[in-house]
Protein backbone atom coordinates (compact mmCIF):
# COMPACT_ATOMS: atom_id res chain seq x y z
CA MET A 1 140.95 103.90 92.32
CA LYS A 2 138.30 101.28 91.86
CA LYS A 3 138.79 98.84 89.01
CA PHE A 4 135.39 99.54 87.50
CA GLY A 5 134.96 103.12 88.60
CA LEU A 6 132.84 105.78 86.99
CA LYS A 7 135.55 106.83 84.52
CA TYR A 8 135.92 103.33 83.10
CA ARG A 9 132.20 102.76 82.95
CA VAL A 10 131.73 106.06 81.14
CA ALA A 11 134.41 105.00 78.63
CA VAL A 12 132.75 101.61 78.08
CA TYR A 13 129.33 103.19 77.72
CA CYS A 14 130.69 105.74 75.25
CA ILE A 15 132.30 103.02 73.15
CA LEU A 16 129.13 100.92 73.16
CA PHE A 17 127.02 103.94 72.35
CA THR A 18 129.39 104.91 69.54
CA LEU A 19 129.29 101.41 68.08
CA LEU A 20 125.52 101.38 68.17
CA LEU A 21 125.33 104.88 66.71
CA THR A 22 127.85 104.00 63.98
CA PHE A 23 125.90 100.87 63.13
CA ALA A 24 122.60 102.75 63.10
CA LEU A 25 123.96 105.57 60.95
CA GLY A 26 125.74 103.15 58.62
CA PHE A 27 122.69 100.96 58.30
CA THR A 28 120.41 103.91 57.64
CA SER A 29 122.85 105.43 55.18
CA TYR A 30 123.34 102.10 53.45
CA ARG A 31 119.62 101.59 53.06
CA GLN A 32 119.20 105.08 51.67
CA PHE A 33 122.15 104.64 49.31
CA ARG A 34 120.86 101.26 48.17
CA LYS A 35 117.42 102.69 47.59
CA THR A 36 118.86 105.58 45.59
CA ILE A 37 121.15 103.35 43.49
CA THR A 38 118.36 100.82 42.91
CA GLU A 39 115.97 103.53 41.82
CA ARG A 40 118.58 104.90 39.42
CA TYR A 41 119.24 101.48 37.93
CA TYR A 42 115.52 100.85 37.62
CA ALA A 43 115.06 104.18 35.88
CA TYR A 44 118.04 103.45 33.61
CA ALA A 45 116.63 100.01 32.75
CA GLU A 46 113.27 101.60 31.92
CA THR A 47 114.96 104.12 29.63
CA ILE A 48 116.84 101.40 27.76
CA LEU A 49 113.68 99.31 27.52
CA GLY A 50 111.76 102.25 26.08
CA LEU A 51 114.47 102.81 23.46
CA ALA A 52 114.40 99.13 22.50
CA GLU A 53 110.59 99.19 22.25
CA SER A 54 110.82 102.10 19.83
CA TYR A 55 112.65 99.87 17.31
CA PHE A 56 110.15 97.05 17.81
CA ASP A 57 107.27 99.42 17.11
CA LYS A 58 109.03 101.19 14.20
CA TYR A 59 109.78 98.02 12.30
CA ASP A 60 106.64 96.11 13.40
CA ILE A 61 108.43 93.14 14.94
CA ALA A 62 105.06 91.93 16.28
CA GLU A 63 103.97 91.16 12.69
CA ALA A 64 107.26 89.36 12.06
CA ILE A 65 106.57 87.15 15.09
CA GLN A 66 103.09 86.33 13.80
CA THR A 67 104.28 85.57 10.23
CA GLY A 68 107.58 84.00 11.25
CA GLU A 69 109.48 86.04 8.58
CA MET A 70 112.72 87.91 9.30
CA GLY A 71 112.70 90.73 6.75
CA GLU A 72 114.54 93.99 6.36
CA GLY A 73 112.76 95.48 9.43
CA TYR A 74 113.95 92.58 11.52
CA GLN A 75 117.57 93.28 10.58
CA ARG A 76 117.25 97.00 11.23
CA THR A 77 115.75 96.23 14.65
CA ARG A 78 118.81 94.07 15.41
CA ASP A 79 121.08 96.92 14.34
CA GLY A 80 119.21 99.22 16.73
CA LEU A 81 119.53 96.74 19.59
CA ASN A 82 123.24 96.36 18.83
CA MET A 83 123.67 100.12 19.03
CA ILE A 84 121.76 100.26 22.32
CA LYS A 85 123.90 97.55 23.81
CA GLU A 86 127.11 99.12 22.44
CA LYS A 87 126.41 102.51 24.02
CA SER A 88 124.87 101.36 27.32
CA SER A 89 125.98 99.28 30.27
CA ILE A 90 123.19 96.73 30.11
CA ALA A 91 124.06 93.03 29.97
CA TYR A 92 121.33 91.90 27.56
CA VAL A 93 118.54 93.33 25.41
CA TYR A 94 116.21 90.82 23.75
CA ALA A 95 112.64 89.66 23.09
CA VAL A 96 110.99 86.25 23.62
CA TYR A 97 107.59 84.71 22.97
CA PHE A 98 105.72 81.48 23.74
CA GLU A 99 104.34 79.14 21.14
CA ASP A 100 101.94 77.82 23.83
CA LEU A 101 101.23 79.99 26.89
CA LYS A 102 100.26 76.86 28.81
CA ASN A 103 103.70 75.37 28.30
CA PRO A 104 106.62 77.28 29.90
CA ASP A 105 109.08 75.15 27.90
CA SER A 106 107.71 76.51 24.62
CA MET A 107 109.52 79.83 25.05
CA CYS A 108 111.47 80.97 21.98
CA TYR A 109 113.70 83.90 21.13
CA VAL A 110 112.59 86.72 18.89
CA ILE A 111 115.78 88.74 18.66
CA ASN A 112 118.68 90.05 20.74
CA GLY A 113 121.50 92.62 20.52
CA ALA A 114 125.24 92.25 20.86
CA THR A 115 128.32 94.47 21.01
CA LYS A 116 131.24 94.38 18.59
CA ALA A 117 133.39 92.95 21.34
CA GLU A 118 130.96 90.07 21.81
CA LEU A 119 130.96 89.37 18.05
CA LYS A 120 134.72 89.62 17.61
CA GLY A 121 136.21 86.29 16.61
CA LYS A 122 132.86 84.49 16.74
CA ALA A 123 130.27 83.51 14.19
CA GLU A 124 127.04 85.51 14.40
CA GLU A 125 125.05 82.31 15.03
CA GLU A 126 127.01 81.84 18.26
CA VAL A 127 126.04 85.28 19.56
CA TYR A 128 122.73 86.17 17.99
CA SER A 129 119.37 84.58 18.79
CA TYR A 130 116.97 84.27 15.84
CA LEU A 131 113.21 84.27 15.52
CA GLY A 132 111.77 80.91 16.51
CA GLU A 133 114.96 79.64 18.14
CA ALA A 134 114.07 77.71 21.31
CA CYS A 135 115.45 79.11 24.55
CA GLY A 136 118.03 76.96 26.25
CA GLU A 137 117.22 75.17 29.51
CA GLY A 138 119.70 77.30 31.47
CA ASP A 139 118.78 80.62 29.89
CA PHE A 140 115.68 81.27 32.02
CA ASP A 141 114.50 79.59 35.21
CA LEU A 142 110.97 78.25 35.50
CA GLU A 143 109.82 81.03 37.79
CA MET A 144 110.90 83.71 35.31
CA ARG A 145 109.12 81.92 32.46
CA GLN A 146 105.94 81.80 34.53
CA VAL A 147 106.27 85.54 35.27
CA PHE A 148 106.47 86.21 31.51
CA ILE A 149 103.45 83.95 30.84
CA LYS A 150 101.44 85.73 33.53
CA ALA A 151 102.20 89.14 31.99
CA LEU A 152 101.22 87.90 28.51
CA THR A 153 98.05 86.24 29.76
CA LYS A 154 96.90 89.37 31.61
CA LYS A 155 98.04 91.58 28.72
CA SER A 156 99.76 93.85 31.21
CA THR A 157 100.89 97.20 29.83
CA ALA A 158 103.06 98.16 32.81
CA ILE A 159 106.82 97.89 32.97
CA GLN A 160 107.77 95.10 35.38
CA PHE A 161 110.95 94.07 37.15
CA TYR A 162 112.26 90.69 38.15
CA GLU A 163 115.47 89.65 39.91
CA ASN A 164 116.69 86.25 38.87
CA SER A 165 119.79 84.15 39.09
CA THR A 166 121.04 81.45 36.72
CA GLU A 167 124.24 79.43 36.61
CA GLU A 168 125.10 80.70 33.15
CA TYR A 169 124.26 84.39 33.47
CA GLY A 170 124.56 85.05 37.21
CA ASP A 171 122.41 87.56 39.11
CA MET A 172 120.36 89.80 36.86
CA LEU A 173 117.76 92.56 37.17
CA THR A 174 115.27 92.07 34.33
CA CYS A 175 113.13 95.01 33.15
CA PHE A 176 110.41 93.92 30.70
CA ARG A 177 107.09 94.82 29.12
CA VAL A 178 104.61 93.03 26.86
CA LEU A 179 104.83 93.72 23.09
CA PHE A 180 101.44 94.07 21.47
CA SER A 181 100.50 93.64 17.78
CA LYS A 182 98.45 96.21 15.92
CA ASP A 183 95.29 94.24 16.59
CA GLY A 184 95.98 94.27 20.37
CA LYS A 185 97.34 90.78 20.83
CA ALA A 186 100.10 90.15 23.40
CA VAL A 187 102.72 88.49 21.26
CA ALA A 188 106.08 88.79 23.02
CA ILE A 189 108.16 90.09 25.94
CA VAL A 190 110.71 92.85 25.30
CA SER A 191 113.37 92.81 28.03
CA THR A 192 116.65 94.33 29.18
CA ASP A 193 118.94 92.76 31.79
CA LEU A 194 121.28 94.61 34.15
CA ASP A 195 124.09 92.86 36.02
CA ILE A 196 123.12 93.08 39.74
CA ASN A 197 126.60 92.08 40.85
CA GLU A 198 127.84 95.47 39.72
CA ILE A 199 125.14 97.17 41.81
CA ARG A 200 126.00 95.10 44.85
CA GLU A 201 129.71 95.76 44.45
CA ASN A 202 129.06 99.51 44.34
CA MET A 203 126.95 99.30 47.46
CA ASN A 204 129.52 97.17 49.28
CA GLN A 205 132.27 99.62 48.45
CA TYR A 206 130.13 102.45 49.74
CA LEU A 207 129.38 100.52 52.90
CA ARG A 208 133.06 99.81 53.55
CA ARG A 209 134.06 103.42 52.98
CA THR A 210 131.23 104.67 55.18
CA ALA A 211 132.10 102.23 57.96
CA ILE A 212 135.77 103.17 57.97
CA ILE A 213 135.08 106.91 57.93
CA SER A 214 132.34 106.66 60.57
CA ALA A 215 134.43 104.44 62.87
CA SER A 216 137.40 106.79 62.61
CA MET A 217 135.32 109.87 63.35
CA MET A 218 133.49 108.18 66.18
CA ALA A 219 136.72 106.91 67.73
CA LEU A 220 138.13 110.42 67.69
CA LEU A 221 134.94 111.85 69.17
CA VAL A 222 134.88 109.16 71.90
CA LEU A 223 138.47 109.92 72.83
CA LEU A 224 137.78 113.65 73.03
CA PHE A 225 134.58 113.03 74.95
CA ILE A 226 136.29 110.75 77.48
CA VAL A 227 139.04 113.31 78.04
CA PHE A 228 136.44 116.04 78.51
CA ILE A 229 134.29 113.91 80.83
CA HIS A 230 137.34 112.96 82.90
CA LYS A 231 138.35 116.58 83.29
CA ARG A 232 134.87 117.94 83.98
CA VAL A 233 132.96 115.07 85.59
CA THR A 234 134.63 111.79 86.50
CA GLY A 235 137.84 113.38 87.78
CA PRO A 236 136.09 115.78 90.19
CA ILE A 237 133.62 113.06 91.24
CA THR A 238 136.52 110.68 91.92
CA ARG A 239 138.16 113.27 94.19
CA ILE A 240 134.84 113.93 95.92
CA SER A 241 134.34 110.18 96.37
CA ARG A 242 137.84 109.78 97.86
CA GLN A 243 137.28 112.54 100.43
CA THR A 244 133.80 111.20 101.22
CA ASP A 245 135.20 107.67 101.78
CA GLU A 246 137.77 109.09 104.20
CA PHE A 247 135.03 110.93 106.08
CA VAL A 248 132.85 107.80 106.22
CA GLN A 249 135.80 105.81 107.51
CA GLN A 250 136.15 108.29 110.35
CA LEU A 251 132.48 107.73 111.17
CA LYS A 252 132.98 103.95 111.16
CA GLU A 253 135.91 104.35 113.54
CA ASN A 254 133.64 106.35 115.91
CA VAL A 255 135.83 109.43 115.80
CA ASP A 256 134.63 112.12 118.18
CA PRO A 257 132.33 114.58 116.30
CA ALA A 258 134.56 117.49 117.32
CA GLU A 259 137.53 115.80 115.59
CA LEU A 260 135.74 114.81 112.37
CA ASN A 261 137.43 116.34 109.31
CA TYR A 262 136.16 116.63 105.74
CA LYS A 263 138.52 118.21 103.20
CA GLN A 264 136.46 120.09 100.68
CA VAL A 265 137.35 119.37 97.03
CA ASN A 266 138.17 122.48 95.00
CA ILE A 267 136.24 122.39 91.71
CA ARG A 268 137.11 125.08 89.18
CA SER A 269 134.20 124.57 86.82
CA HIS A 270 130.95 126.38 87.56
CA ASP A 271 128.59 123.46 87.05
CA GLU A 272 126.78 120.69 88.94
CA THR A 273 130.01 119.01 90.11
CA ARG A 274 131.01 122.17 91.95
CA THR A 275 127.53 122.39 93.46
CA LEU A 276 127.80 118.72 94.47
CA ALA A 277 131.19 119.29 96.12
CA ASN A 278 129.85 122.29 98.07
CA ASP A 279 126.68 120.42 99.07
CA ILE A 280 128.63 117.41 100.35
CA SER A 281 130.93 119.73 102.32
CA GLU A 282 127.92 121.45 103.87
CA LEU A 283 126.36 118.05 104.55
CA ALA A 284 129.51 116.90 106.34
CA ASP A 285 129.49 120.06 108.48
CA SER A 286 125.80 119.58 109.24
CA LEU A 287 126.44 115.93 110.12
CA LYS A 288 129.18 116.94 112.53
CA GLY A 289 126.78 119.40 114.20
CA TYR A 290 124.02 116.81 114.23
CA MET A 291 126.26 114.20 115.84
CA SER A 292 127.37 116.68 118.47
CA ASN A 293 123.75 117.51 119.23
CA LEU A 294 122.91 113.80 119.16
CA GLN A 295 125.52 113.16 121.84
CA THR A 296 123.90 115.78 124.03
CA VAL A 297 120.38 114.54 123.28
CA THR A 298 121.40 110.92 123.86
CA ALA A 299 122.88 111.77 127.21
CA GLU A 300 119.74 113.70 128.11
CA LYS A 301 117.57 110.85 126.90
CA GLN A 302 119.53 108.39 129.00
CA ARG A 303 119.06 110.67 132.01
CA ILE A 304 115.31 110.93 131.35
CA SER A 305 115.08 107.19 130.75
CA SER A 306 116.84 106.57 134.02
CA GLU A 307 114.49 108.94 135.81
CA LEU A 308 111.47 107.32 134.15
CA SER A 309 112.73 103.94 135.23
CA ILE A 310 112.96 105.23 138.79
CA ALA A 311 109.46 106.75 138.43
CA THR A 312 108.16 103.39 137.20
CA ARG A 313 109.62 101.64 140.24
CA ILE A 314 108.23 104.31 142.55
CA GLN A 315 104.78 104.01 141.00
CA ALA A 316 104.92 100.22 141.22
CA ASP A 317 106.01 100.48 144.85
CA MET A 318 103.04 102.73 145.61
CA LEU A 319 100.61 100.04 144.48
CA PRO A 320 100.00 96.90 146.53
CA ARG A 321 102.15 94.22 144.99
CA ILE A 322 102.46 91.46 147.59
CA PHE A 323 100.04 88.62 147.01
CA PRO A 324 98.34 86.96 148.72
CA ASN A 325 97.48 89.95 150.90
CA PHE A 326 96.15 89.76 154.40
CA SER A 327 97.08 86.10 154.69
CA ASP A 328 95.57 86.08 158.13
CA ARG A 329 92.15 87.07 156.78
CA LYS A 330 90.09 84.13 155.60
CA GLU A 331 87.01 86.17 154.65
CA PHE A 332 88.28 87.00 151.15
CA GLU A 333 90.86 86.43 148.44
CA LEU A 334 92.10 89.35 146.39
CA TYR A 335 94.43 89.92 143.42
CA ALA A 336 95.15 93.01 141.28
CA SER A 337 97.47 94.07 138.45
CA MET A 338 98.37 97.17 136.45
CA SER A 339 100.16 97.26 133.03
CA PRO A 340 100.98 100.84 131.91
CA ALA A 341 100.88 101.76 128.22
CA LYS A 342 104.01 103.91 128.71
CA GLU A 343 106.85 103.88 131.21
CA VAL A 344 104.50 105.26 133.81
CA GLY A 345 100.72 105.20 133.74
CA GLY A 346 97.68 107.00 135.04
CA ASP A 347 95.71 103.97 136.23
CA PHE A 348 95.91 102.83 139.82
CA PHE A 349 94.27 100.42 142.22
CA ASP A 350 94.38 100.20 145.98
CA PHE A 351 92.98 98.11 148.80
CA PHE A 352 93.54 98.38 152.52
CA MET A 353 91.83 97.71 155.86
CA VAL A 354 90.03 100.76 157.22
CA ASP A 355 89.57 98.93 160.48
CA ASP A 356 89.48 95.31 161.54
CA ASP A 357 86.16 94.61 159.79
CA HIS A 358 86.12 96.96 156.79
CA LEU A 359 88.07 96.56 153.54
CA CYS A 360 88.40 99.54 151.19
CA MET A 361 88.89 98.85 147.44
CA VAL A 362 89.77 101.53 144.86
CA MET A 363 89.98 101.36 141.05
CA ALA A 364 90.82 104.60 139.20
CA ASP A 365 91.85 105.92 135.79
CA VAL A 366 93.50 109.34 135.32
CA SER A 367 92.97 111.12 131.99
CA GLY A 368 96.05 111.23 129.77
CA LYS A 369 99.22 109.16 129.82
CA GLY A 370 102.81 109.42 130.95
CA VAL A 371 104.38 111.53 133.67
CA PRO A 372 101.54 114.13 134.10
CA ALA A 373 98.97 111.37 134.58
CA ALA A 374 101.32 109.55 136.98
CA LEU A 375 101.74 112.67 139.15
CA PHE A 376 97.98 113.22 139.21
CA MET A 377 97.57 109.55 140.05
CA VAL A 378 99.90 109.84 143.08
CA ILE A 379 97.96 112.82 144.40
CA SER A 380 94.58 111.15 143.84
CA LYS A 381 95.61 107.86 145.42
CA THR A 382 97.06 109.59 148.48
CA LEU A 383 93.98 111.79 149.00
CA ILE A 384 91.55 108.87 148.60
CA LYS A 385 93.42 106.69 151.08
CA ASN A 386 93.71 109.52 153.61
CA ARG A 387 89.95 110.23 153.48
CA ALA A 388 89.08 106.53 153.71
CA GLN A 389 91.29 106.00 156.75
CA ARG A 390 89.59 108.94 158.45
CA GLY A 391 86.37 106.92 158.32
CA ASP A 392 84.59 108.72 155.45
CA SER A 393 81.94 106.86 153.49
CA PRO A 394 82.59 106.29 149.73
CA ALA A 395 80.45 109.33 148.80
CA GLU A 396 82.24 111.50 151.37
CA ILE A 397 85.62 110.29 150.13
CA LEU A 398 84.81 111.33 146.57
CA LYS A 399 83.31 114.64 147.64
CA ASN A 400 86.34 115.70 149.68
CA VAL A 401 88.90 114.46 147.14
CA ASN A 402 87.02 116.17 144.30
CA ALA A 403 87.18 119.50 146.15
CA GLN A 404 90.93 119.16 146.65
CA LEU A 405 91.64 118.09 143.05
CA CYS A 406 89.57 120.91 141.54
CA ASP A 407 91.64 123.44 143.44
CA GLY A 408 94.48 124.65 141.13
CA ASN A 409 93.88 122.03 138.42
CA GLU A 410 95.28 124.19 135.61
CA ALA A 411 96.23 121.11 133.58
CA GLN A 412 92.51 120.18 133.57
CA LEU A 413 93.20 116.55 134.35
CA PHE A 414 90.49 114.37 135.82
CA VAL A 415 90.18 110.90 137.26
CA THR A 416 87.41 108.30 137.16
CA VAL A 417 87.12 106.39 140.44
CA TRP A 418 85.27 103.39 141.76
CA VAL A 419 85.59 103.09 145.54
CA ALA A 420 83.88 100.59 147.81
CA ILE A 421 83.99 99.69 151.49
CA LEU A 422 83.09 96.08 152.32
CA GLU A 423 82.07 94.94 155.77
CA LEU A 424 83.79 91.55 155.97
CA SER A 425 81.70 90.13 158.75
CA THR A 426 78.37 90.57 156.90
CA GLY A 427 79.33 90.94 153.25
CA LYS A 428 77.51 94.27 153.09
CA GLY A 429 79.19 96.91 150.98
CA VAL A 430 78.80 100.51 149.90
CA ALA A 431 80.27 101.75 146.61
CA ALA A 432 80.45 105.09 144.82
CA ASN A 433 81.28 105.45 141.14
CA ALA A 434 82.70 108.69 139.73
CA GLY A 435 82.50 108.13 135.96
CA HIS A 436 84.20 104.74 136.09
CA GLU A 437 83.45 101.41 134.40
CA HIS A 438 80.64 99.25 135.79
CA PRO A 439 81.91 96.37 137.98
CA ALA A 440 81.13 92.73 137.21
CA LEU A 441 79.60 90.46 139.87
CA CYS A 442 79.35 86.67 139.95
CA ARG A 443 77.04 85.00 142.42
CA CYS A 444 78.15 81.65 143.76
CA GLY A 445 77.53 78.94 141.16
CA GLN A 446 76.41 81.45 138.53
CA THR A 447 78.18 83.65 135.94
CA PHE A 448 79.58 87.14 135.85
CA GLU A 449 77.26 90.01 134.95
CA LEU A 450 77.80 93.76 134.86
CA VAL A 451 76.29 95.69 137.78
CA VAL A 452 74.90 98.68 135.89
CA TYR A 453 73.71 101.72 137.82
CA ARG A 454 73.82 105.45 137.35
CA HIS A 455 77.16 106.87 138.40
CA SER A 456 78.43 110.38 139.12
CA PRO A 457 80.83 112.59 137.09
CA ALA A 458 84.57 112.04 137.27
CA LEU A 459 86.64 113.76 139.94
CA ALA A 460 88.17 117.19 139.16
CA THR A 461 85.52 118.04 136.56
CA ILE A 462 82.79 119.86 138.55
CA GLU A 463 83.25 121.59 141.89
CA GLY A 464 80.84 121.12 144.80
CA ILE A 465 78.89 118.13 143.47
CA ARG A 466 77.44 115.33 145.62
CA PHE A 467 78.26 111.72 144.82
CA LYS A 468 75.76 108.87 144.97
CA GLU A 469 76.34 105.69 146.85
CA HIS A 470 75.28 102.18 145.92
CA GLU A 471 74.77 99.43 148.46
CA PHE A 472 75.51 95.82 147.59
CA GLN A 473 75.59 92.46 149.33
CA LEU A 474 78.17 89.71 148.87
CA TYR A 475 77.55 86.13 149.88
CA PRO A 476 80.09 83.39 150.43
CA GLY A 477 81.38 82.21 147.06
CA ASP A 478 80.55 85.51 145.27
CA SER A 479 83.25 87.18 143.15
CA LEU A 480 83.68 90.84 142.24
CA PHE A 481 85.70 92.16 139.28
CA VAL A 482 86.59 95.85 138.70
CA TYR A 483 88.77 97.26 135.94
CA THR A 484 89.71 100.35 133.92
CA ASP A 485 88.64 101.08 130.35
CA GLY A 486 91.93 99.69 129.06
CA VAL A 487 90.30 96.23 129.15
CA PRO A 488 87.11 96.73 127.06
CA GLU A 489 88.81 99.33 124.85
CA ALA A 490 91.82 97.20 123.94
CA THR A 491 92.11 97.47 120.15
CA ASN A 492 93.45 95.03 117.56
CA ALA A 493 95.03 95.71 114.16
CA ASN A 494 91.57 95.88 112.52
CA ASN A 495 90.61 98.69 114.90
CA GLU A 496 88.11 96.44 116.71
CA LEU A 497 87.48 96.82 120.47
CA PHE A 498 87.76 93.92 122.89
CA GLY A 499 84.45 95.05 124.42
CA ASN A 500 82.46 94.09 127.51
CA GLU A 501 80.97 90.98 125.90
CA ARG A 502 84.38 89.39 125.27
CA MET A 503 85.43 90.42 128.78
CA LEU A 504 82.41 88.65 130.33
CA GLN A 505 82.99 85.60 128.12
CA ALA A 506 86.58 85.41 129.38
CA LEU A 507 85.47 85.76 133.01
CA ASN A 508 82.84 83.08 132.53
CA GLN A 509 85.28 80.51 131.21
CA HIS A 510 85.94 79.70 134.89
CA PRO A 511 83.64 81.95 136.94
CA ASP A 512 84.44 80.18 140.22
CA ALA A 513 88.21 80.47 139.72
CA SER A 514 90.50 82.29 142.11
CA PRO A 515 91.12 86.05 141.57
CA THR A 516 94.63 85.30 140.33
CA THR A 517 93.33 82.88 137.67
CA LEU A 518 90.56 85.30 136.63
CA LEU A 519 92.98 88.15 135.97
CA ARG A 520 95.46 85.95 134.13
CA THR A 521 92.65 84.60 131.94
CA ILE A 522 91.47 88.11 131.09
CA ARG A 523 95.00 89.28 130.25
CA HIS A 524 95.61 86.22 128.07
CA GLU A 525 92.38 86.80 126.12
CA VAL A 526 93.18 90.50 125.67
CA ASP A 527 96.69 89.74 124.41
CA ASP A 528 95.39 87.15 121.93
CA PHE A 529 92.78 89.61 120.66
CA VAL A 530 95.14 92.56 120.31
CA GLY A 531 97.93 90.55 118.69
CA SER A 532 100.77 92.69 117.37
CA ALA A 533 98.85 95.97 117.71
CA PRO A 534 100.40 98.41 120.21
CA GLN A 535 98.88 98.93 123.67
CA PHE A 536 97.31 102.40 123.73
CA ASP A 537 95.93 102.44 127.27
CA ASP A 538 96.81 101.20 130.74
CA ILE A 539 95.25 97.87 131.67
CA THR A 540 94.35 97.64 135.36
CA MET A 541 92.20 94.97 137.04
CA LEU A 542 91.17 93.84 140.53
CA ALA A 543 89.26 90.71 141.52
CA LEU A 544 87.89 89.75 144.95
CA LYS A 545 86.33 86.48 146.04
CA TYR A 546 84.25 86.70 149.20
CA ASN A 547 84.47 83.62 151.42
CA GLY A 548 82.49 84.94 154.35
CA THR A 549 83.13 84.11 157.99
CA GLY A 550 82.93 80.81 159.69
CA GLU A 551 80.07 82.12 161.83
CA ALA A 552 78.08 83.24 158.80
CA ASP A 553 78.55 79.88 157.16
CA SER A 554 77.39 78.01 160.16
């Protein structure tokens, strides 16, 4: 079992999720509890403040502040504040005023309340604050004094709250409101203080209890969940993984497909894990069948590849491939090449002596690619050569071959052909073009140009047609270049064609070069142009340089 397998990761994820969930629930619950407790304390402080204000209003303490006299009403107000403090859980109930609102240090007490316990064993002067008594420096911080001044200055009628902390009294929640005289003057601040430490302690106790209960429940749930997941998910998946690893190991060891063995895992639950186990078992069976078929297909492919390789050699052997040719003939130089797009191609070239003074040249392109085109190419090449060696003219060659190719051409293949017969002694030639590319001619000392003339339809397209002939004259130093459409239609990655213009530019880099150099230059330019794009068509070329005869030169 892997050290950090699915079961352990599920356990870790569950624990992390539980911790996060516990924290989130605890935090949310704590905030809600704190809000509720705070609101209750605020409401309680308001109630106590309202009760204290009732005594201030009943006995007109505002007038006492203005006159500075502590009469019978003043004492009854203190008795009321004492009762409030005795029967409530507030820390302080009191009133203060400012002799000068511009001076925070001028704050003085009005009155306060105390419990019997606070008075026990002490003089009243030690516990009670009296009208006009200055507030001690540690009784109220500066910020709290300024809050009181602001409320008095604005004559605010709303109940306000302020949390403050002093060294003497600790953390307090102060609830206060401005006391107004009968003539509407803001004369004092009536206030009650609650001990915040008690609130915080209650909230902390709640938080601790909630955390302990939540953690215990979550731990129990995690344990139950892990046991359930192991039984229903991770356990079955672990067994599936073990059987799958064993099957993969057999594949790595190149076990024969017939001997491959996958032991299906039995899953009792009717859920996705059972479906997964069944699917993997079916996949293993399918893989075994696929590998068996692949063996058969691979063997067949190797056989076909071997046969194609033989076909490629046969096709190459059918084309002239020994250069220089006719080394005993000084009247011309000739070079040709063919690069198929697939293992075998449909393009072909040929050249041979019809008699001692006549050279026949053929350049052809069969429609389609691959084996069908290659077979049609063999037939076409054989028929053309047979007719030429019988002494037929180019037009007669095409006419007779066309009739034979049209007969039983159910595959509807066709072939474009350029065929020419050159009289070596005079340089006179006759050519016929059956739908093929226009040849390029370079006069001695000049540049290559296309020889454009109207040509006839391709062979095997129309029965009984006549083919036109074209006479031409070569002079010593002239060069002739013929090719298939694989040259101008070579395409790069941007779907651009090489084109006739680039072909002529390549030829005219060295127009007086030998046929071998011309063809190598063209192929180099085509390869640079095409780049990494695949070759879609056969590329076939033939170049001839006419030297003439010694007698003609003289």
